[in-house]
């Protein structure tokens, strides 16, 4: 079974330089990005059958990944100055 990874660089290819810069300059952003990628790798291991987890727990991990990605996307919008102010809180 083919399992698709969701690395940040694949989801935000136009933000490659910004992702790298924020990882170097913002420790909180770097921690979020590392947590996201570790979570994505774990989900892929589960879907590949390398690691086992029940469906409800896997669904919770996937939701956590979506929430982290949304948070990272808000950080990227803020950093680029393209946030209107209302969406980023």
PDB file of N, CA and C in Angstrom:
ATOM      1  N   UNK A   1       0.842  -1.187   0.000  1.00  0.00           N
ATOM      2  CA  UNK A   1       0.000   0.000   0.000  1.00  0.00           C
ATOM      3  C   UNK A   1       0.882   1.245   0.000  1.00  0.00           C
ATOM      4  N   UNK A   2       0.569   2.162  -0.897  1.00  0.00           N
ATOM      5  CA  UNK A   2       1.333   3.411  -0.975  1.00  0.00           C
ATOM      6  C   UNK A   2       0.788   4.411   0.043  1.00  0.00           C
ATOM      7  N   UNK A   3       1.674   4.920   0.874  1.00  0.00           N
ATOM      8  CA  UNK A   3       1.308   5.911   1.873  1.00  0.00           C
ATOM      9  C   UNK A   3       1.957   7.228   1.499  1.00  0.00           C
ATOM     10  N   UNK A   4       1.146   8.268   1.451  1.00  0.00           N
ATOM     11  CA  UNK A   4       1.669   9.565   1.055  1.00  0.00           C
ATOM     12  C   UNK A   4       2.066  10.398   2.269  1.00  0.00           C
ATOM     13  N   UNK A   5       3.312  10.855   2.247  1.00  0.00           N
ATOM     14  CA  UNK A   5       3.799  11.754   3.283  1.00  0.00           C
ATOM     15  C   UNK A   5       3.287  13.160   2.991  1.00  0.00           C
ATOM     16  N   UNK A   6       3.191  13.961   4.026  1.00  0.00           N
ATOM     17  CA  UNK A   6       2.730  15.336   3.896  1.00  0.00           C
ATOM     18  C   UNK A   6       3.764  16.305   4.469  1.00  0.00           C
ATOM     19  N   UNK A   7       4.985  16.299   3.949  1.00  0.00           N
ATOM     20  CA  UNK A   7       5.982  17.229   4.490  1.00  0.00           C
ATOM     21  C   UNK A   7       5.574  18.674   4.205  1.00  0.00           C
ATOM     22  N   UNK A   8       5.972  19.569   5.073  1.00  0.00           N
ATOM     23  CA  UNK A   8       5.602  20.975   4.930  1.00  0.00           C
ATOM     24  C   UNK A   8       6.055  21.554   3.602  1.00  0.00           C
ATOM     25  N   UNK A   9       7.227  21.168   3.148  1.00  0.00           N
ATOM     26  CA  UNK A   9       7.764  21.718   1.906  1.00  0.00           C
ATOM     27  C   UNK A   9       6.899  21.305   0.707  1.00  0.00           C
ATOM     28  N   UNK A  10       6.246  20.159   0.801  1.00  0.00           N
ATOM     29  CA  UNK A  10       5.360  19.705  -0.273  1.00  0.00           C
ATOM     30  C   UNK A  10       4.027  20.460  -0.217  1.00  0.00           C
ATOM     31  N   UNK A  11       3.574  20.743   0.992  1.00  0.00           N
ATOM     32  CA  UNK A  11       2.304  21.440   1.146  1.00  0.00           C
ATOM     33  C   UNK A  11       2.419  22.943   0.926  1.00  0.00           C
ATOM     34  N   UNK A  12       3.611  23.488   1.127  1.00  0.00           N
ATOM     35  CA  UNK A  12       3.846  24.922   0.954  1.00  0.00           C
ATOM     36  C   UNK A  12       5.084  25.149   0.081  1.00  0.00           C
ATOM     37  N   UNK A  13       5.090  24.645  -1.159  1.00  0.00           N
ATOM     38  CA  UNK A  13       6.300  24.753  -1.982  1.00  0.00           C
ATOM     39  C   UNK A  13       6.710  26.198  -2.267  1.00  0.00           C
ATOM     40  N   UNK A  14       5.744  27.087  -2.365  1.00  0.00           N
ATOM     41  CA  UNK A  14       6.044  28.489  -2.643  1.00  0.00           C
ATOM     42  C   UNK A  14       6.625  29.203  -1.422  1.00  0.00           C
ATOM     43  N   UNK A  15       6.596  28.543  -0.280  1.00  0.00           N
ATOM     44  CA  UNK A  15       7.078  29.132   0.975  1.00  0.00           C
ATOM     45  C   UNK A  15       8.394  28.499   1.442  1.00  0.00           C
ATOM     46  N   UNK A  16       9.096  27.841   0.546  1.00  0.00           N
ATOM     47  CA  UNK A  16      10.325  27.114   0.906  1.00  0.00           C
ATOM     48  C   UNK A  16      11.313  27.999   1.674  1.00  0.00           C
ATOM     49  N   UNK A  17      11.628  29.151   1.120  1.00  0.00           N
ATOM     50  CA  UNK A  17      12.606  30.035   1.779  1.00  0.00           C
ATOM     51  C   UNK A  17      12.090  30.539   3.119  1.00  0.00           C
ATOM     52  N   UNK A  18      10.825  30.880   3.157  1.00  0.00           N
ATOM     53  CA  UNK A  18      10.223  31.368   4.397  1.00  0.00           C
ATOM     54  C   UNK A  18      10.213  30.275   5.471  1.00  0.00           C
ATOM     55  N   UNK A  19       9.916  29.054   5.080  1.00  0.00           N
ATOM     56  CA  UNK A  19       9.955  27.932   6.028  1.00  0.00           C
ATOM     57  C   UNK A  19      11.353  27.780   6.627  1.00  0.00           C
ATOM     58  N   UNK A  20      12.364  27.819   5.771  1.00  0.00           N
ATOM     59  CA  UNK A  20      13.742  27.672   6.243  1.00  0.00           C
ATOM     60  C   UNK A  20      14.140  28.823   7.163  1.00  0.00           C
ATOM     61  N   UNK A  21      13.766  30.041   6.777  1.00  0.00           N
ATOM     62  CA  UNK A  21      14.118  31.216   7.579  1.00  0.00           C
ATOM     63  C   UNK A  21      13.438  31.166   8.949  1.00  0.00           C
ATOM     64  N   UNK A  22      12.150  30.859   8.961  1.00  0.00           N
ATOM     65  CA  UNK A  22      11.431  30.798  10.234  1.00  0.00           C
ATOM     66  C   UNK A  22      11.966  29.687  11.132  1.00  0.00           C
ATOM     67  N   UNK A  23      12.338  28.570  10.538  1.00  0.00           N
ATOM     68  CA  UNK A  23      12.920  27.481  11.336  1.00  0.00           C
ATOM     69  C   UNK A  23      14.218  27.919  12.017  1.00  0.00           C
ATOM     70  N   UNK A  24      14.975  28.756  11.336  1.00  0.00           N
ATOM     71  CA  UNK A  24      16.246  29.225  11.898  1.00  0.00           C
ATOM     72  C   UNK A  24      16.048  30.359  12.896  1.00  0.00           C
ATOM     73  N   UNK A  25      15.084  31.227  12.648  1.00  0.00           N
ATOM     74  CA  UNK A  25      14.948  32.442  13.446  1.00  0.00           C
ATOM     75  C   UNK A  25      13.910  32.369  14.555  1.00  0.00           C
ATOM     76  N   UNK A  26      12.957  31.465  14.459  1.00  0.00           N
ATOM     77  CA  UNK A  26      11.857  31.406  15.416  1.00  0.00           C
ATOM     78  C   UNK A  26      11.803  30.027  16.072  1.00  0.00           C
ATOM     79  N   UNK A  27      12.277  29.918  17.310  1.00  0.00           N
ATOM     80  CA  UNK A  27      12.309  28.614  17.980  1.00  0.00           C
ATOM     81  C   UNK A  27      10.928  27.970  18.137  1.00  0.00           C
ATOM     82  N   UNK A  28       9.903  28.775  18.364  1.00  0.00           N
ATOM     83  CA  UNK A  28       8.557  28.219  18.501  1.00  0.00           C
ATOM     84  C   UNK A  28       8.083  27.639  17.172  1.00  0.00           C
ATOM     85  N   UNK A  29       8.331  28.364  16.090  1.00  0.00           N
ATOM     86  CA  UNK A  29       7.965  27.854  14.766  1.00  0.00           C
ATOM     87  C   UNK A  29       8.745  26.580  14.465  1.00  0.00           C
ATOM     88  N   UNK A  30      10.027  26.580  14.760  1.00  0.00           N
ATOM     89  CA  UNK A  30      10.859  25.397  14.514  1.00  0.00           C
ATOM     90  C   UNK A  30      10.321  24.195  15.276  1.00  0.00           C
ATOM     91  N   UNK A  31       9.903  24.408  16.504  1.00  0.00           N
ATOM     92  CA  UNK A  31       9.362  23.311  17.316  1.00  0.00           C
ATOM     93  C   UNK A  31       8.060  22.786  16.714  1.00  0.00           C
ATOM     94  N   UNK A  32       7.191  23.700  16.247  1.00  0.00           N
ATOM     95  CA  UNK A  32       5.937  23.281  15.609  1.00  0.00           C
ATOM     96  C   UNK A  32       6.223  22.470  14.349  1.00  0.00           C
ATOM     97  N   UNK A  33       7.164  22.945  13.528  1.00  0.00           N
ATOM     98  CA  UNK A  33       7.495  22.255  12.285  1.00  0.00           C
ATOM     99  C   UNK A  33       8.066  20.863  12.566  1.00  0.00           C
ATOM    100  N   UNK A  34       8.934  20.761  13.563  1.00  0.00           N
ATOM    101  CA  UNK A  34       9.497  19.457  13.927  1.00  0.00           C
ATOM    102  C   UNK A  34       8.415  18.524  14.455  1.00  0.00           C
ATOM    103  N   UNK A  35       7.523  19.052  15.273  1.00  0.00           N
ATOM    104  CA  UNK A  35       6.425  18.244  15.808  1.00  0.00           C
ATOM    105  C   UNK A  35       5.522  17.763  14.680  1.00  0.00           C
ATOM    106  N   UNK A  36       5.229  18.651  13.731  1.00  0.00           N
ATOM    107  CA  UNK A  36       4.396  18.290  12.588  1.00  0.00           C
ATOM    108  C   UNK A  36       5.034  17.158  11.786  1.00  0.00           C
ATOM    109  N   UNK A  37       6.311  17.300  11.471  1.00  0.00           N
ATOM    110  CA  UNK A  37       6.972  16.298  10.641  1.00  0.00           C
ATOM    111  C   UNK A  37       7.129  14.962  11.369  1.00  0.00           C
ATOM    112  N   UNK A  38       7.372  14.998  12.670  1.00  0.00           N
ATOM    113  CA  UNK A  38       7.442  13.756  13.453  1.00  0.00           C
ATOM    114  C   UNK A  38       6.073  13.072  13.473  1.00  0.00           C
ATOM    115  N   UNK A  39       5.025  13.858  13.614  1.00  0.00           N
ATOM    116  CA  UNK A  39       3.674  13.321  13.619  1.00  0.00           C
ATOM    117  C   UNK A  39       3.332  12.719  12.260  1.00  0.00           C
ATOM    118  N   UNK A  40       3.708  13.412  11.184  1.00  0.00           N
ATOM    119  CA  UNK A  40       3.458  12.903   9.841  1.00  0.00           C
ATOM    120  C   UNK A  40       4.176  11.571   9.618  1.00  0.00           C
ATOM    121  N   UNK A  41       5.428  11.492  10.061  1.00  0.00           N
ATOM    122  CA  UNK A  41       6.181  10.241   9.912  1.00  0.00           C
ATOM    123  C   UNK A  41       5.539   9.105  10.704  1.00  0.00           C
ATOM    124  N   UNK A  42       5.056   9.420  11.898  1.00  0.00           N
ATOM    125  CA  UNK A  42       4.413   8.389  12.720  1.00  0.00           C
ATOM    126  C   UNK A  42       3.135   7.900  12.047  1.00  0.00           C
ATOM    127  N   UNK A  43       2.347   8.811  11.523  1.00  0.00           N
ATOM    128  CA  UNK A  43       1.111   8.432  10.827  1.00  0.00           C
ATOM    129  C   UNK A  43       1.445   7.531   9.638  1.00  0.00           C
ATOM    130  N   UNK A  44       2.475   7.862   8.899  1.00  0.00           N
ATOM    131  CA  UNK A  44       2.873   7.034   7.751  1.00  0.00           C
ATOM    132  C   UNK A  44       3.326   5.643   8.197  1.00  0.00           C
ATOM    133  N   UNK A  45       4.074   5.565   9.309  1.00  0.00           N
ATOM    134  CA  UNK A  45       4.488   4.248   9.831  1.00  0.00           C
ATOM    135  C   UNK A  45       3.271   3.411  10.214  1.00  0.00           C
ATOM    136  N   UNK A  46       2.276   4.038  10.793  1.00  0.00           N
ATOM    137  CA  UNK A  46       1.054   3.324  11.172  1.00  0.00           C
ATOM    138  C   UNK A  46       0.322   2.846   9.926  1.00  0.00           C
ATOM    139  N   UNK A  47       0.185   3.745   8.947  1.00  0.00           N
ATOM    140  CA  UNK A  47      -0.513   3.370   7.714  1.00  0.00           C
ATOM    141  C   UNK A  47       0.243   2.320   6.918  1.00  0.00           C
ATOM    142  N   UNK A  48       1.568   2.288   7.050  1.00  0.00           N
ATOM    143  CA  UNK A  48       2.386   1.262   6.388  1.00  0.00           C
ATOM    144  C   UNK A  48       2.347  -0.072   7.128  1.00  0.00           C
ATOM    145  N   UNK A  49       1.816  -0.084   8.351  1.00  0.00           N
ATOM    146  CA  UNK A  49       1.760  -1.303   9.145  1.00  0.00           C
ATOM    147  C   UNK A  49       3.004  -1.558   9.974  1.00  0.00           C
ATOM    148  N   UNK A  50       3.936  -0.606   9.998  1.00  0.00           N
ATOM    149  CA  UNK A  50       5.167  -0.737  10.778  1.00  0.00           C
ATOM    150  C   UNK A  50       4.860  -0.579  12.261  1.00  0.00           C
ATOM    151  N   UNK A  51       3.907   0.287  12.559  1.00  0.00           N
ATOM    152  CA  UNK A  51       3.475   0.568  13.927  1.00  0.00           C
ATOM    153  C   UNK A  51       1.965   0.334  13.964  1.00  0.00           C
ATOM    154  N   UNK A  52       1.450  -0.154  15.088  1.00  0.00           N
ATOM    155  CA  UNK A  52       0.014  -0.402  15.172  1.00  0.00           C
ATOM    156  C   UNK A  52      -0.668   0.603  16.100  1.00  0.00           C
ATOM    157  N   UNK A  53      -1.887   0.939  15.711  1.00  0.00           N
ATOM    158  CA  UNK A  53      -2.704   1.869  16.493  1.00  0.00           C
ATOM    159  C   UNK A  53      -4.141   1.680  16.022  1.00  0.00           C
ATOM    160  N   UNK A  54      -5.097   1.770  16.938  1.00  0.00           N
ATOM    161  CA  UNK A  54      -6.486   1.592  16.521  1.00  0.00           C
ATOM    162  C   UNK A  54      -6.958   2.790  15.693  1.00  0.00           C
ATOM    163  N   UNK A  55      -8.053   2.590  14.977  1.00  0.00           N
ATOM    164  CA  UNK A  55      -8.543   3.605  14.041  1.00  0.00           C
ATOM    165  C   UNK A  55      -8.876   4.934  14.717  1.00  0.00           C
ATOM    166  N   UNK A  56      -9.477   4.879  15.890  1.00  0.00           N
ATOM    167  CA  UNK A  56      -9.849   6.117  16.587  1.00  0.00           C
ATOM    168  C   UNK A  56      -8.608   6.926  16.962  1.00  0.00           C
ATOM    169  N   UNK A  57      -7.578   6.258  17.433  1.00  0.00           N
ATOM    170  CA  UNK A  57      -6.340   6.943  17.811  1.00  0.00           C
ATOM    171  C   UNK A  57      -5.633   7.493  16.575  1.00  0.00           C
ATOM    172  N   UNK A  58      -5.660   6.741  15.471  1.00  0.00           N
ATOM    173  CA  UNK A  58      -5.054   7.212  14.231  1.00  0.00           C
ATOM    174  C   UNK A  58      -5.797   8.450  13.721  1.00  0.00           C
ATOM    175  N   UNK A  59      -7.107   8.436  13.790  1.00  0.00           N
ATOM    176  CA  UNK A  59      -7.902   9.594  13.383  1.00  0.00           C
ATOM    177  C   UNK A  59      -7.560  10.809  14.236  1.00  0.00           C
ATOM    178  N   UNK A  60      -7.361  10.600  15.524  1.00  0.00           N
ATOM    179  CA  UNK A  60      -6.980  11.703  16.417  1.00  0.00           C
ATOM    180  C   UNK A  60      -5.613  12.268  16.030  1.00  0.00           C
ATOM    181  N   UNK A  61      -4.672  11.399  15.677  1.00  0.00           N
ATOM    182  CA  UNK A  61      -3.350  11.864  15.241  1.00  0.00           C
ATOM    183  C   UNK A  61      -3.454  12.676  13.950  1.00  0.00           C
ATOM    184  N   UNK A  62      -4.290  12.215  13.034  1.00  0.00           N
ATOM    185  CA  UNK A  62      -4.461  12.942  11.779  1.00  0.00           C
ATOM    186  C   UNK A  62      -5.088  14.311  12.026  1.00  0.00           C
ATOM    187  N   UNK A  63      -6.024  14.384  12.959  1.00  0.00           N
ATOM    188  CA  UNK A  63      -6.632  15.671  13.285  1.00  0.00           C
ATOM    189  C   UNK A  63      -5.595  16.608  13.920  1.00  0.00           C
ATOM    190  N   UNK A  64      -4.748  16.042  14.754  1.00  0.00           N
ATOM    191  CA  UNK A  64      -3.678  16.830  15.367  1.00  0.00           C
ATOM    192  C   UNK A  64      -2.737  17.382  14.285  1.00  0.00           C
ATOM    193  N   UNK A  65      -2.452  16.552  13.276  1.00  0.00           N
ATOM    194  CA  UNK A  65      -1.590  16.990  12.175  1.00  0.00           C
ATOM    195  C   UNK A  65      -2.240  18.147  11.408  1.00  0.00           C
ATOM    196  N   UNK A  66      -3.538  18.053  11.159  1.00  0.00           N
ATOM    197  CA  UNK A  66      -4.258  19.122  10.458  1.00  0.00           C
ATOM    198  C   UNK A  66      -4.232  20.412  11.277  1.00  0.00           C
ATOM    199  N   UNK A  67      -4.457  20.291  12.561  1.00  0.00           N
ATOM    200  CA  UNK A  67      -4.448  21.463  13.442  1.00  0.00           C
ATOM    201  C   UNK A  67      -3.078  22.130  13.444  1.00  0.00           C
ATOM    202  N   UNK A  68      -2.019  21.325  13.528  1.00  0.00           N
ATOM    203  CA  UNK A  68      -0.660  21.868  13.486  1.00  0.00           C
ATOM    204  C   UNK A  68      -0.381  22.550  12.146  1.00  0.00           C
ATOM    205  N   UNK A  69      -0.817  21.919  11.052  1.00  0.00           N
ATOM    206  CA  UNK A  69      -0.585  22.510   9.736  1.00  0.00           C
ATOM    207  C   UNK A  69      -1.324  23.839   9.607  1.00  0.00           C
ATOM    208  N   UNK A  70      -2.545  23.915  10.121  1.00  0.00           N
ATOM    209  CA  UNK A  70      -3.284  25.173  10.094  1.00  0.00           C
ATOM    210  C   UNK A  70      -2.553  26.246  10.884  1.00  0.00           C
ATOM    211  N   UNK A  71      -2.018  25.878  12.024  1.00  0.00           N
ATOM    212  CA  UNK A  71      -1.273  26.817  12.859  1.00  0.00           C
ATOM    213  C   UNK A  71      -0.004  27.299  12.138  1.00  0.00           C
ATOM    214  N   UNK A  72       0.681  26.385  11.495  1.00  0.00           N
ATOM    215  CA  UNK A  72       1.885  26.727  10.735  1.00  0.00           C
ATOM    216  C   UNK A  72       1.529  27.641   9.556  1.00  0.00           C
ATOM    217  N   UNK A  73       0.413  27.355   8.886  1.00  0.00           N
ATOM    218  CA  UNK A  73      -0.024  28.201   7.765  1.00  0.00           C
ATOM    219  C   UNK A  73      -0.318  29.621   8.256  1.00  0.00           C
ATOM    220  N   UNK A  74      -0.943  29.758   9.425  1.00  0.00           N
ATOM    221  CA  UNK A  74      -1.184  31.091   9.997  1.00  0.00           C
ATOM    222  C   UNK A  74       0.140  31.799  10.282  1.00  0.00           C
ATOM    223  N   UNK A  75       1.100  31.071  10.849  1.00  0.00           N
ATOM    224  CA  UNK A  75       2.422  31.656  11.118  1.00  0.00           C
ATOM    225  C   UNK A  75       3.078  32.138   9.826  1.00  0.00           C
ATOM    226  N   UNK A  76       2.957  31.361   8.758  1.00  0.00           N
ATOM    227  CA  UNK A  76       3.541  31.743   7.473  1.00  0.00           C
ATOM    228  C   UNK A  76       2.861  32.995   6.916  1.00  0.00           C
ATOM    229  N   UNK A  77       1.536  33.073   7.044  1.00  0.00           N
ATOM    230  CA  UNK A  77       0.825  34.270   6.580  1.00  0.00           C
ATOM    231  C   UNK A  77       1.248  35.494   7.381  1.00  0.00           C
ATOM    232  N   UNK A  78       1.351  35.338   8.685  1.00  0.00           N
ATOM    233  CA  UNK A  78       1.781  36.449   9.545  1.00  0.00           C
ATOM    234  C   UNK A  78       3.168  36.925   9.147  1.00  0.00           C
ATOM    235  N   UNK A  79       4.090  35.986   8.969  1.00  0.00           N
ATOM    236  CA  UNK A  79       5.476  36.320   8.665  1.00  0.00           C
ATOM    237  C   UNK A  79       5.616  36.991   7.296  1.00  0.00           C
ATOM    238  N   UNK A  80       4.729  36.650   6.376  1.00  0.00           N
ATOM    239  CA  UNK A  80       4.826  37.234   5.033  1.00  0.00           C
ATOM    240  C   UNK A  80       4.103  38.570   4.945  1.00  0.00           C
ATOM    241  N   UNK A  81       3.368  38.918   6.011  1.00  0.00           N
ATOM    242  CA  UNK A  81       2.626  40.171   6.003  1.00  0.00           C
ATOM    243  C   UNK A  81       1.354  40.098   5.182  1.00  0.00           C
ATOM    244  N   UNK A  82       0.936  38.903   4.781  1.00  0.00           N
ATOM    245  CA  UNK A  82      -0.254  38.772   3.966  1.00  0.00           C
ATOM    246  C   UNK A  82      -1.503  38.440   4.780  1.00  0.00           C
ATOM    247  N   UNK A  83      -1.372  38.480   6.087  1.00  0.00           N
ATOM    248  CA  UNK A  83      -2.514  38.180   6.945  1.00  0.00           C
ATOM    249  C   UNK A  83      -3.327  39.459   7.139  1.00  0.00           C
ATOM    250  N   UNK A  84      -4.634  39.328   7.060  1.00  0.00           N
ATOM    251  CA  UNK A  84      -5.515  40.483   7.195  1.00  0.00           C
ATOM    252  C   UNK A  84      -5.688  40.903   8.646  1.00  0.00           C
ATOM    253  N   UNK A  85      -5.274  40.058   9.578  1.00  0.00           N
ATOM    254  CA  UNK A  85      -5.419  40.374  10.995  1.00  0.00           C
ATOM    255  C   UNK A  85      -6.523  39.579  11.653  1.00  0.00           C
ATOM    256  N   UNK A  86      -7.626  39.370  10.964  1.00  0.00           N
ATOM    257  CA  UNK A  86      -8.752  38.656  11.558  1.00  0.00           C
ATOM    258  C   UNK A  86      -8.560  37.158  11.632  1.00  0.00           C
ATOM    259  N   UNK A  87      -7.919  36.570  10.623  1.00  0.00           N
ATOM    260  CA  UNK A  87      -7.791  35.115  10.571  1.00  0.00           C
ATOM    261  C   UNK A  87      -6.707  34.587  11.501  1.00  0.00           C
ATOM    262  N   UNK A  88      -5.769  35.426  11.838  1.00  0.00           N
ATOM    263  CA  UNK A  88      -4.624  34.960  12.598  1.00  0.00           C
ATOM    264  C   UNK A  88      -4.762  35.196  14.100  1.00  0.00           C
ATOM    265  N   UNK A  89      -5.809  35.799  14.477  1.00  0.00           N
ATOM    266  CA  UNK A  89      -6.066  35.985  15.903  1.00  0.00           C
ATOM    267  C   UNK A  89      -5.261  36.974  16.598  1.00  0.00           C
TER     268      UNK A  89
END
